[in-house]
Amino acid sequence: MAFTRATGKHRGPSRLTRRRAGIAGVATIATTGVIGTLASPALAADADAPSFEDTGLTQIVAADSLAATIDAQAAAQEREAAEAVERAKAEARAKAEAKRKAEARAKEIREAKERAAREAERKRLNSFQLPVAGSYVTTSYQAGGALWSSGSHSGVDFRAASGSRVVSVGSGTVVEAGWGGAYGNNIVIRMNDGTYTQYGHLSSISVSVGESVTPGQRIGLSGSTGNSTGPHLHFEARTTAEYGSDINPVAYLRARGVNV
């Protein structure tokens, strides 16, 4: 059977036609390829360029900004910590200084009190007072009469009911304590200033020889022992421990600040 090629719009292109089309296509490709090659970057930039957000640059900038913020915060925290340490040190120094000043002030006050106490004690030890508190002289010094073997009174008599408290008039050391003949129970004290005092007619004695006494210290109780007409205290001031070295007891006490 013989075949014939169909004609019309449905007829396929001939071999020559296809070849021409191929040559034209190559030429077209060659031409447009160059142009396309030259134009493609611009076209790509215009048509296919990704947006700013799609490049990852935003994330980098954000990361850098966050890192900078963290660094700044860390630096601020370090400064705050350093300042807190310095404040704590300053407070500690201030407390230590306040404590030192308080201790120094307390020491000054304590030393001042101690000095005042020592001075008060020194004054007390150097002070004199009446041998019987609140008493007064009933028989004066060198009063005459047959009652005294020498013909006159070698001391003074202080009013003192039996059992009244008799004290040392000042600071000194006991050199005699016991029976003294006409003086009855008596005590002789060598005072710190080198003078002597005597206390006679005592009902009892509270000190012994060699004992140190201070102003106002009880040494015995008044009575009427020895050559006595009744309870009283016979008091003498002397330049030595021996009888006959007597001096005016009232003048002696007044010279030492005692109101007699």
C-alpha atoms as a PDB file:
ATOM      1  CA  MET A   1       0.000   0.000   0.000  1.00  0.00           C
ATOM      2  CA  ALA A   2       1.345   3.399  -0.830  1.00  0.00           C
ATOM      3  CA  PHE A   3       1.457   6.120   1.958  1.00  0.00           C
ATOM      4  CA  THR A   4       1.103   9.760   1.235  1.00  0.00           C
ATOM      5  CA  ARG A   5       1.998  12.671   3.621  1.00  0.00           C
ATOM      6  CA  ALA A   6      -0.893  14.590   4.917  1.00  0.00           C
ATOM      7  CA  THR A   7      -1.096  18.219   3.957  1.00  0.00           C
ATOM      8  CA  GLY A   8      -2.489  21.211   5.837  1.00  0.00           C
ATOM      9  CA  LYS A   9      -1.925  22.606   9.298  1.00  0.00           C
ATOM     10  CA  HIS A  10      -1.595  19.217  10.803  1.00  0.00           C
ATOM     11  CA  ARG A  11       1.238  18.187   8.580  1.00  0.00           C
ATOM     12  CA  GLY A  12       4.575  17.888  10.447  1.00  0.00           C
ATOM     13  CA  PRO A  13       7.524  20.023   9.462  1.00  0.00           C
ATOM     14  CA  SER A  14       9.852  18.630   6.847  1.00  0.00           C
ATOM     15  CA  ARG A  15      13.416  17.665   7.643  1.00  0.00           C
ATOM     16  CA  LEU A  16      14.654  20.849   6.031  1.00  0.00           C
ATOM     17  CA  THR A  17      12.275  22.920   7.990  1.00  0.00           C
ATOM     18  CA  ARG A  18      13.375  21.267  11.212  1.00  0.00           C
ATOM     19  CA  ARG A  19      16.997  21.905  10.330  1.00  0.00           C
ATOM     20  CA  ARG A  20      16.389  25.551   9.597  1.00  0.00           C
ATOM     21  CA  ALA A  21      14.552  25.893  12.845  1.00  0.00           C
ATOM     22  CA  GLY A  22      17.437  24.264  14.627  1.00  0.00           C
ATOM     23  CA  ILE A  23      19.951  26.602  13.072  1.00  0.00           C
ATOM     24  CA  ALA A  24      17.772  29.572  13.943  1.00  0.00           C
ATOM     25  CA  GLY A  25      17.429  28.306  17.478  1.00  0.00           C
ATOM     26  CA  VAL A  26      21.160  27.964  17.846  1.00  0.00           C
ATOM     27  CA  ALA A  27      21.612  31.475  16.580  1.00  0.00           C
ATOM     28  CA  THR A  28      18.935  32.726  18.863  1.00  0.00           C
ATOM     29  CA  ILE A  29      20.439  30.909  21.796  1.00  0.00           C
ATOM     30  CA  ALA A  30      23.849  32.254  20.911  1.00  0.00           C
ATOM     31  CA  THR A  31      22.542  35.768  20.665  1.00  0.00           C
ATOM     32  CA  THR A  32      20.258  35.737  23.648  1.00  0.00           C
ATOM     33  CA  GLY A  33      22.771  33.759  25.664  1.00  0.00           C
ATOM     34  CA  VAL A  34      25.286  36.566  25.499  1.00  0.00           C
ATOM     35  CA  ILE A  35      22.688  39.136  26.245  1.00  0.00           C
ATOM     36  CA  GLY A  36      21.225  36.955  28.914  1.00  0.00           C
ATOM     37  CA  THR A  37      24.634  36.406  30.388  1.00  0.00           C
ATOM     38  CA  LEU A  38      25.346  40.106  30.501  1.00  0.00           C
ATOM     39  CA  ALA A  39      21.927  40.970  31.859  1.00  0.00           C
ATOM     40  CA  SER A  40      21.451  38.115  34.262  1.00  0.00           C
ATOM     41  CA  PRO A  41      23.121  39.682  37.312  1.00  0.00           C
ATOM     42  CA  ALA A  42      20.958  42.758  37.142  1.00  0.00           C
ATOM     43  CA  LEU A  43      17.917  40.738  36.432  1.00  0.00           C
ATOM     44  CA  ALA A  44      18.794  38.393  39.257  1.00  0.00           C
ATOM     45  CA  ALA A  45      19.331  41.313  41.565  1.00  0.00           C
ATOM     46  CA  ASP A  46      16.029  42.810  40.569  1.00  0.00           C
ATOM     47  CA  ALA A  47      13.916  39.743  40.317  1.00  0.00           C
ATOM     48  CA  ASP A  48      15.483  37.043  42.388  1.00  0.00           C
ATOM     49  CA  ALA A  49      17.429  39.014  45.104  1.00  0.00           C
ATOM     50  CA  PRO A  50      16.366  37.912  48.526  1.00  0.00           C
ATOM     51  CA  SER A  51      14.983  40.524  50.948  1.00  0.00           C
ATOM     52  CA  PHE A  52      17.169  42.056  53.772  1.00  0.00           C
ATOM     53  CA  GLU A  53      15.422  39.861  56.229  1.00  0.00           C
ATOM     54  CA  ASP A  54      16.272  36.709  54.234  1.00  0.00           C
ATOM     55  CA  THR A  55      20.042  37.283  54.232  1.00  0.00           C
ATOM     56  CA  GLY A  56      20.670  36.471  57.939  1.00  0.00           C
ATOM     57  CA  LEU A  57      22.179  39.951  58.513  1.00  0.00           C
ATOM     58  CA  THR A  58      19.362  40.878  60.841  1.00  0.00           C
ATOM     59  CA  GLN A  59      20.203  37.953  63.065  1.00  0.00           C
ATOM     60  CA  ILE A  60      23.888  38.910  63.117  1.00  0.00           C
ATOM     61  CA  VAL A  61      23.102  42.535  64.017  1.00  0.00           C
ATOM     62  CA  ALA A  62      20.642  41.409  66.672  1.00  0.00           C
ATOM     63  CA  ALA A  63      23.176  38.968  68.100  1.00  0.00           C
ATOM     64  CA  ASP A  64      25.849  41.685  68.193  1.00  0.00           C
ATOM     65  CA  SER A  65      23.422  44.066  69.878  1.00  0.00           C
ATOM     66  CA  LEU A  66      22.443  41.441  72.458  1.00  0.00           C
ATOM     67  CA  ALA A  67      26.093  40.615  73.139  1.00  0.00           C
ATOM     68  CA  ALA A  68      26.854  44.313  73.588  1.00  0.00           C
ATOM     69  CA  THR A  69      23.893  44.637  75.977  1.00  0.00           C
ATOM     70  CA  ILE A  70      25.050  41.612  77.982  1.00  0.00           C
ATOM     71  CA  ASP A  71      28.593  42.976  78.124  1.00  0.00           C
ATOM     72  CA  ALA A  72      27.289  46.331  79.306  1.00  0.00           C
ATOM     73  CA  GLN A  73      25.127  44.682  81.942  1.00  0.00           C
ATOM     74  CA  ALA A  74      28.034  42.525  83.105  1.00  0.00           C
ATOM     75  CA  ALA A  75      30.283  45.584  83.314  1.00  0.00           C
ATOM     76  CA  ALA A  76      27.603  47.459  85.259  1.00  0.00           C
ATOM     77  CA  GLN A  77      27.200  44.526  87.638  1.00  0.00           C
ATOM     78  CA  GLU A  78      30.956  44.359  88.131  1.00  0.00           C
ATOM     79  CA  ARG A  79      31.034  48.085  88.900  1.00  0.00           C
ATOM     80  CA  GLU A  80      28.135  47.709  91.328  1.00  0.00           C
ATOM     81  CA  ALA A  81      29.838  44.752  92.997  1.00  0.00           C
ATOM     82  CA  ALA A  82      33.104  46.684  93.254  1.00  0.00           C
ATOM     83  CA  GLU A  83      31.272  49.709  94.651  1.00  0.00           C
ATOM     84  CA  ALA A  84      29.445  47.468  97.141  1.00  0.00           C
ATOM     85  CA  VAL A  85      32.781  46.013  98.255  1.00  0.00           C
ATOM     86  CA  GLU A  86      34.229  49.498  98.659  1.00  0.00           C
ATOM     87  CA  ARG A  87      31.154  50.629 100.600  1.00  0.00           C
ATOM     88  CA  ALA A  88      31.428  47.586 102.846  1.00  0.00           C
ATOM     89  CA  LYS A  89      35.121  48.302 103.395  1.00  0.00           C
ATOM     90  CA  ALA A  90      34.349  51.949 104.117  1.00  0.00           C
ATOM     91  CA  GLU A  91      31.620  50.972 106.573  1.00  0.00           C
ATOM     92  CA  ALA A  92      33.959  48.479 108.227  1.00  0.00           C
ATOM     93  CA  ARG A  93      36.643  51.163 108.497  1.00  0.00           C
ATOM     94  CA  ALA A  94      34.119  53.615 109.897  1.00  0.00           C
ATOM     95  CA  LYS A  95      32.906  51.068 112.459  1.00  0.00           C
ATOM     96  CA  ALA A  96      36.464  50.190 113.391  1.00  0.00           C
ATOM     97  CA  GLU A  97      37.310  53.877 113.784  1.00  0.00           C
ATOM     98  CA  ALA A  98      34.158  54.485 115.831  1.00  0.00           C
ATOM     99  CA  LYS A  99      35.007  51.496 118.012  1.00  0.00           C
ATOM    100  CA  ARG A 100      38.580  52.727 118.409  1.00  0.00           C
ATOM    101  CA  LYS A 101      37.364  56.187 119.400  1.00  0.00           C
ATOM    102  CA  ALA A 102      34.783  54.709 121.784  1.00  0.00           C
ATOM    103  CA  GLU A 103      37.416  52.497 123.383  1.00  0.00           C
ATOM    104  CA  ALA A 104      39.836  55.416 123.598  1.00  0.00           C
ATOM    105  CA  ARG A 105      37.126  57.579 125.153  1.00  0.00           C
ATOM    106  CA  ALA A 106      36.184  54.798 127.572  1.00  0.00           C
ATOM    107  CA  LYS A 107      39.857  54.431 128.459  1.00  0.00           C
ATOM    108  CA  GLU A 108      40.160  58.173 129.033  1.00  0.00           C
ATOM    109  CA  ILE A 109      37.073  58.146 131.248  1.00  0.00           C
ATOM    110  CA  ARG A 110      38.311  55.097 133.130  1.00  0.00           C
ATOM    111  CA  GLU A 111      41.745  56.615 133.622  1.00  0.00           C
ATOM    112  CA  ALA A 112      40.196  59.907 134.695  1.00  0.00           C
ATOM    113  CA  LYS A 113      38.041  58.074 137.233  1.00  0.00           C
ATOM    114  CA  GLU A 114      41.047  56.127 138.454  1.00  0.00           C
ATOM    115  CA  ARG A 115      43.055  59.334 138.794  1.00  0.00           C
ATOM    116  CA  ALA A 116      40.177  60.971 140.614  1.00  0.00           C
ATOM    117  CA  ALA A 117      39.837  57.949 142.890  1.00  0.00           C
ATOM    118  CA  ARG A 118      43.580  57.920 143.595  1.00  0.00           C
ATOM    119  CA  GLU A 119      43.544  61.628 144.271  1.00  0.00           C
ATOM    120  CA  ALA A 120      40.519  61.265 146.536  1.00  0.00           C
ATOM    121  CA  GLU A 121      42.203  58.398 148.353  1.00  0.00           C
ATOM    122  CA  ARG A 122      45.431  60.379 148.642  1.00  0.00           C
ATOM    123  CA  LYS A 123      43.527  63.283 150.090  1.00  0.00           C
ATOM    124  CA  ARG A 124      41.633  60.989 152.425  1.00  0.00           C
ATOM    125  CA  LEU A 125      44.817  59.318 153.614  1.00  0.00           C
ATOM    126  CA  ASN A 126      46.372  62.720 154.192  1.00  0.00           C
ATOM    127  CA  SER A 127      43.301  64.088 155.898  1.00  0.00           C
ATOM    128  CA  PHE A 128      42.567  64.355 159.619  1.00  0.00           C
ATOM    129  CA  GLN A 129      39.354  64.194 161.592  1.00  0.00           C
ATOM    130  CA  LEU A 130      37.975  64.123 165.117  1.00  0.00           C
ATOM    131  CA  PRO A 131      38.754  61.003 167.150  1.00  0.00           C
ATOM    132  CA  VAL A 132      35.076  60.796 168.133  1.00  0.00           C
ATOM    133  CA  ALA A 133      32.648  61.922 165.431  1.00  0.00           C
ATOM    134  CA  GLY A 134      30.561  64.955 166.349  1.00  0.00           C
ATOM    135  CA  SER A 135      32.230  65.332 169.736  1.00  0.00           C
ATOM    136  CA  TYR A 136      33.670  68.393 171.435  1.00  0.00           C
ATOM    137  CA  VAL A 137      36.326  69.230 174.033  1.00  0.00           C
ATOM    138  CA  THR A 138      35.190  69.065 177.669  1.00  0.00           C
ATOM    139  CA  THR A 139      38.595  69.613 179.336  1.00  0.00           C
ATOM    140  CA  SER A 140      41.132  71.852 177.652  1.00  0.00           C
ATOM    141  CA  TYR A 141      44.846  71.420 177.129  1.00  0.00           C
ATOM    142  CA  GLN A 142      47.104  72.291 180.120  1.00  0.00           C
ATOM    143  CA  ALA A 143      44.156  72.715 182.446  1.00  0.00           C
ATOM    144  CA  GLY A 144      45.480  72.647 186.041  1.00  0.00           C
ATOM    145  CA  GLY A 145      44.433  70.393 188.903  1.00  0.00           C
ATOM    146  CA  ALA A 146      45.334  67.623 191.281  1.00  0.00           C
ATOM    147  CA  LEU A 147      43.959  65.005 188.941  1.00  0.00           C
ATOM    148  CA  TRP A 148      47.165  65.102 186.881  1.00  0.00           C
ATOM    149  CA  SER A 149      50.512  64.078 188.245  1.00  0.00           C
ATOM    150  CA  SER A 150      52.290  66.810 186.316  1.00  0.00           C
ATOM    151  CA  GLY A 151      49.889  69.373 187.682  1.00  0.00           C
ATOM    152  CA  SER A 152      48.348  70.097 184.288  1.00  0.00           C
ATOM    153  CA  HIS A 153      46.418  68.343 181.586  1.00  0.00           C
ATOM    154  CA  SER A 154      48.770  66.942 178.921  1.00  0.00           C
ATOM    155  CA  GLY A 155      45.975  66.541 176.352  1.00  0.00           C
ATOM    156  CA  VAL A 156      42.281  67.278 175.896  1.00  0.00           C
ATOM    157  CA  ASP A 157      39.193  65.305 176.872  1.00  0.00           C
ATOM    158  CA  PHE A 158      36.505  64.656 174.245  1.00  0.00           C
ATOM    159  CA  ARG A 159      32.990  63.918 175.335  1.00  0.00           C
ATOM    160  CA  ALA A 160      32.284  60.228 174.649  1.00  0.00           C
ATOM    161  CA  ALA A 161      29.734  57.950 176.246  1.00  0.00           C
ATOM    162  CA  SER A 162      31.028  54.523 177.225  1.00  0.00           C
ATOM    163  CA  GLY A 163      31.350  52.330 174.141  1.00  0.00           C
ATOM    164  CA  SER A 164      31.542  55.222 171.672  1.00  0.00           C
ATOM    165  CA  ARG A 165      33.500  54.526 168.499  1.00  0.00           C
ATOM    166  CA  VAL A 166      37.043  55.896 168.658  1.00  0.00           C
ATOM    167  CA  VAL A 167      38.912  56.330 165.364  1.00  0.00           C
ATOM    168  CA  SER A 168      42.393  57.242 164.259  1.00  0.00           C
ATOM    169  CA  VAL A 169      42.547  60.936 163.444  1.00  0.00           C
ATOM    170  CA  GLY A 170      44.793  60.251 160.437  1.00  0.00           C
ATOM    171  CA  SER A 171      47.001  57.725 158.669  1.00  0.00           C
ATOM    172  CA  GLY A 172      49.768  56.056 160.604  1.00  0.00           C
ATOM    173  CA  THR A 173      51.165  52.956 162.308  1.00  0.00           C
ATOM    174  CA  VAL A 174      50.296  51.679 165.749  1.00  0.00           C
ATOM    175  CA  VAL A 175      53.351  51.766 168.054  1.00  0.00           C
ATOM    176  CA  GLU A 176      51.579  51.038 171.357  1.00  0.00           C
ATOM    177  CA  ALA A 177      48.335  49.202 172.119  1.00  0.00           C
ATOM    178  CA  GLY A 178      47.557  48.026 175.678  1.00  0.00           C
ATOM    179  CA  TRP A 179      47.597  49.078 179.272  1.00  0.00           C
ATOM    180  CA  GLY A 180      49.162  52.495 179.875  1.00  0.00           C
ATOM    181  CA  GLY A 181      48.962  52.984 183.651  1.00  0.00           C
ATOM    182  CA  ALA A 182      47.062  56.197 184.443  1.00  0.00           C
ATOM    183  CA  TYR A 183      45.879  56.219 180.834  1.00  0.00           C
ATOM    184  CA  GLY A 184      44.199  52.844 181.264  1.00  0.00           C
ATOM    185  CA  ASN A 185      43.786  51.015 177.955  1.00  0.00           C
ATOM    186  CA  ASN A 186      45.562  53.274 175.478  1.00  0.00           C
ATOM    187  CA  ILE A 187      46.835  53.423 171.910  1.00  0.00           C
ATOM    188  CA  VAL A 188      49.729  55.449 170.485  1.00  0.00           C
ATOM    189  CA  ILE A 189      49.988  55.960 166.711  1.00  0.00           C
ATOM    190  CA  ARG A 190      52.926  57.302 164.761  1.00  0.00           C
ATOM    191  CA  MET A 191      51.280  59.465 162.099  1.00  0.00           C
ATOM    192  CA  ASN A 192      52.567  59.562 158.522  1.00  0.00           C
ATOM    193  CA  ASP A 193      53.732  63.151 158.989  1.00  0.00           C
ATOM    194  CA  GLY A 194      56.064  62.058 161.811  1.00  0.00           C
ATOM    195  CA  THR A 195      53.942  63.218 164.741  1.00  0.00           C
ATOM    196  CA  TYR A 196      52.217  60.983 167.321  1.00  0.00           C
ATOM    197  CA  THR A 197      48.694  60.771 168.718  1.00  0.00           C
ATOM    198  CA  GLN A 198      47.466  59.056 171.874  1.00  0.00           C
ATOM    199  CA  TYR A 199      44.004  57.737 172.823  1.00  0.00           C
ATOM    200  CA  GLY A 200      43.413  56.906 176.515  1.00  0.00           C
ATOM    201  CA  HIS A 201      40.865  55.430 178.975  1.00  0.00           C
ATOM    202  CA  LEU A 202      39.493  53.016 176.322  1.00  0.00           C
ATOM    203  CA  SER A 203      37.104  50.220 177.248  1.00  0.00           C
ATOM    204  CA  SER A 204      38.465  48.043 174.416  1.00  0.00           C
ATOM    205  CA  ILE A 205      41.235  48.065 171.804  1.00  0.00           C
ATOM    206  CA  SER A 206      40.720  46.976 168.173  1.00  0.00           C
ATOM    207  CA  VAL A 207      44.264  47.272 166.734  1.00  0.00           C
ATOM    208  CA  SER A 208      47.703  45.846 167.470  1.00  0.00           C
ATOM    209  CA  VAL A 209      51.277  47.145 167.333  1.00  0.00           C
ATOM    210  CA  GLY A 210      52.638  47.389 163.788  1.00  0.00           C
ATOM    211  CA  GLU A 211      49.216  47.715 162.183  1.00  0.00           C
ATOM    212  CA  SER A 212      48.647  50.483 159.664  1.00  0.00           C
ATOM    213  CA  VAL A 213      45.558  52.620 160.161  1.00  0.00           C
ATOM    214  CA  THR A 214      43.762  55.183 158.024  1.00  0.00           C
ATOM    215  CA  PRO A 215      41.695  58.273 158.859  1.00  0.00           C
ATOM    216  CA  GLY A 216      38.370  57.282 160.391  1.00  0.00           C
ATOM    217  CA  GLN A 217      39.370  53.657 161.008  1.00  0.00           C
ATOM    218  CA  ARG A 218      38.048  52.327 164.307  1.00  0.00           C
ATOM    219  CA  ILE A 219      40.804  51.567 166.762  1.00  0.00           C
ATOM    220  CA  GLY A 220      38.757  50.998 169.933  1.00  0.00           C
ATOM    221  CA  LEU A 221      35.803  51.995 172.105  1.00  0.00           C
ATOM    222  CA  SER A 222      35.705  54.735 174.706  1.00  0.00           C
ATOM    223  CA  GLY A 223      35.494  53.995 178.397  1.00  0.00           C
ATOM    224  CA  SER A 224      36.777  55.024 181.832  1.00  0.00           C
ATOM    225  CA  THR A 225      39.802  52.804 182.483  1.00  0.00           C
ATOM    226  CA  GLY A 226      42.887  54.069 184.344  1.00  0.00           C
ATOM    227  CA  ASN A 227      42.917  57.401 186.192  1.00  0.00           C
ATOM    228  CA  SER A 228      39.471  58.568 185.098  1.00  0.00           C
ATOM    229  CA  THR A 229      36.413  60.133 186.753  1.00  0.00           C
ATOM    230  CA  GLY A 230      33.989  58.926 184.082  1.00  0.00           C
ATOM    231  CA  PRO A 231      33.629  57.834 180.455  1.00  0.00           C
ATOM    232  CA  HIS A 232      35.451  60.114 178.024  1.00  0.00           C
ATOM    233  CA  LEU A 233      38.358  60.012 175.540  1.00  0.00           C
ATOM    234  CA  HIS A 234      41.704  61.471 176.532  1.00  0.00           C
ATOM    235  CA  PHE A 235      43.496  62.615 173.368  1.00  0.00           C
ATOM    236  CA  GLU A 236      47.073  63.826 173.061  1.00  0.00           C
ATOM    237  CA  ALA A 237      49.282  65.074 170.209  1.00  0.00           C
ATOM    238  CA  ARG A 238      53.026  64.526 170.671  1.00  0.00           C
ATOM    239  CA  THR A 239      56.337  65.038 168.924  1.00  0.00           C
ATOM    240  CA  THR A 240      57.556  61.608 170.114  1.00  0.00           C
ATOM    241  CA  ALA A 241      55.931  58.442 171.439  1.00  0.00           C
ATOM    242  CA  GLU A 242      56.954  59.313 174.988  1.00  0.00           C
ATOM    243  CA  TYR A 243      55.047  61.098 177.695  1.00  0.00           C
ATOM    244  CA  GLY A 244      56.092  64.716 178.134  1.00  0.00           C
ATOM    245  CA  SER A 245      56.481  65.538 174.400  1.00  0.00           C
ATOM    246  CA  ASP A 246      52.907  66.735 174.171  1.00  0.00           C
ATOM    247  CA  ILE A 247      51.766  69.677 172.027  1.00  0.00           C
ATOM    248  CA  ASN A 248      48.431  71.487 171.890  1.00  0.00           C
ATOM    249  CA  PRO A 249      45.992  68.888 170.420  1.00  0.00           C
ATOM    250  CA  VAL A 250      43.402  71.467 169.362  1.00  0.00           C
ATOM    251  CA  ALA A 251      45.975  73.536 167.462  1.00  0.00           C
ATOM    252  CA  TYR A 252      47.351  70.280 166.027  1.00  0.00           C
ATOM    253  CA  LEU A 253      43.974  69.214 164.653  1.00  0.00           C
ATOM    254  CA  ARG A 254      43.022  72.678 163.402  1.00  0.00           C
ATOM    255  CA  ALA A 255      46.338  72.953 161.519  1.00  0.00           C
ATOM    256  CA  ARG A 256      45.284  69.804 159.665  1.00  0.00           C
ATOM    257  CA  GLY A 257      41.862  71.045 158.663  1.00  0.00           C
ATOM    258  CA  VAL A 258      39.779  69.632 161.519  1.00  0.00           C
ATOM    259  CA  ASN A 259      37.024  71.800 162.915  1.00  0.00           C
ATOM    260  CA  VAL A 260      37.429  71.579 166.682  1.00  0.00           C
END
